[in-house]
Protein backbone atom coordinates (compact mmCIF):
# COMPACT_ATOMS: atom_id res chain seq x y z
CA MET A 1 104.84 94.12 109.67
CA ARG A 2 106.89 96.89 109.11
CA TYR A 3 107.59 98.44 105.32
CA LYS A 4 111.39 99.02 104.43
CA ALA A 5 110.51 100.76 101.17
CA ILE A 6 107.77 102.73 99.25
CA PHE A 7 107.46 103.32 96.09
CA PHE A 8 105.64 105.62 93.92
CA ASP A 9 105.34 106.27 89.97
CA ARG A 10 105.38 109.56 88.86
CA ASP A 11 102.71 109.51 86.04
CA GLY A 12 101.99 106.28 84.63
CA THR A 13 102.83 107.22 81.40
CA LEU A 14 105.51 103.99 80.90
CA THR A 15 103.00 101.10 80.77
CA TYR A 16 99.45 103.09 81.41
CA ASN A 17 97.24 100.81 78.85
CA ASN A 18 100.11 99.67 76.86
CA PRO A 19 99.99 96.06 76.97
CA ASP A 20 103.24 96.00 75.25
CA LYS A 21 105.13 96.99 78.50
CA ILE A 22 102.95 95.41 80.98
CA ARG A 23 105.94 92.38 81.59
CA TRP A 24 108.95 95.46 81.44
CA ARG A 25 107.26 96.98 84.65
CA ASP A 26 106.78 94.06 86.38
CA ASP A 27 110.50 93.44 85.70
CA ILE A 28 111.24 96.72 86.54
CA ILE A 29 108.94 96.70 89.75
CA THR A 30 110.66 93.57 91.10
CA SER A 31 114.32 94.73 90.44
CA TRP A 32 113.85 98.01 92.24
CA SER A 33 112.67 96.08 95.60
CA GLY A 34 114.77 92.89 95.30
CA LYS A 35 117.80 93.76 94.02
CA ALA A 36 118.53 97.89 94.34
CA LEU A 37 117.10 98.00 97.51
CA GLY A 38 117.50 94.76 98.88
CA VAL A 39 113.99 94.59 100.13
CA THR A 40 111.14 91.67 99.08
CA ALA A 41 107.49 92.96 97.82
CA ASN A 42 106.35 92.34 101.16
CA GLU A 43 108.45 94.81 102.79
CA SER A 44 107.44 97.50 100.66
CA LEU A 45 104.44 99.69 99.34
CA PHE A 46 103.87 101.14 95.87
CA VAL A 47 101.59 103.98 95.00
CA ASP A 48 100.70 104.73 91.36
CA ASP A 49 98.18 107.22 90.14
CA THR A 50 97.00 104.64 87.41
CA ARG A 51 94.39 101.90 88.72
CA ASN A 52 96.79 99.39 86.36
CA GLU A 53 100.00 100.04 87.85
CA ALA A 54 98.69 99.53 91.19
CA GLU A 55 96.76 96.45 90.48
CA GLY A 56 99.90 94.71 88.69
CA ALA A 57 101.87 95.55 91.47
CA ARG A 58 100.04 94.15 93.38
CA LYS A 59 99.71 91.09 91.82
CA LEU A 60 103.72 90.89 92.22
CA GLY A 61 103.33 90.94 96.28
CA PHE A 62 103.13 94.52 97.20
CA THR A 63 100.75 96.37 98.81
CA SER A 64 99.88 98.20 96.74
CA PHE A 65 97.51 101.75 96.59
CA TRP A 66 95.83 103.48 93.49
CA LEU A 67 95.96 107.03 94.47
CA ASP A 68 92.82 108.54 92.69
CA ARG A 69 93.35 111.76 92.19
CA THR A 70 88.97 112.26 91.06
CA CYS A 71 88.20 111.81 94.74
CA LYS A 72 85.19 109.77 93.57
CA PRO A 73 84.08 107.66 96.60
CA ALA A 74 85.16 104.01 96.19
CA ASP A 75 84.37 100.71 97.98
CA ASP A 76 87.52 99.42 97.58
CA PRO A 77 90.83 98.76 100.30
CA TRP A 78 92.98 99.52 97.86
CA THR A 79 91.81 103.16 96.62
CA ILE A 80 93.35 106.35 98.39
CA TYR A 81 92.61 110.00 98.00
CA ASP A 82 95.74 111.67 99.28
CA LEU A 83 98.83 110.70 100.58
CA ASN A 84 97.03 111.79 103.97
CA ALA A 85 95.99 107.66 103.79
CA LEU A 86 98.92 106.29 103.14
CA VAL A 87 100.28 107.55 106.29
CA LYS A 88 97.11 106.77 108.22
CA PHE A 89 97.54 103.25 106.94
CA ALA A 90 101.13 102.78 108.07
CA GLU A 91 100.41 104.18 111.40
CA ASN A 92 97.60 101.92 111.94
CA LEU A 93 99.91 98.68 111.44
């Protein structure tokens, strides 16, 4: 599968641990892909530096990675430690 769009959340501050804004986040992510760029969630990669945001995008159908800046080892295929890992993922499709 080839991806048509990559979305990055810059800081995670909008909805991080804020349940009142989760639905708003989901609506925004969906509209970014479907309406603004004309791509589906399946055609998009999403990268965020908070686990909750990355998991939320994955539930919406995005291929989504958590950019873990602590670099603590994790047994999770959706955790990356730098953007080089994202490039490697895309190259191996």
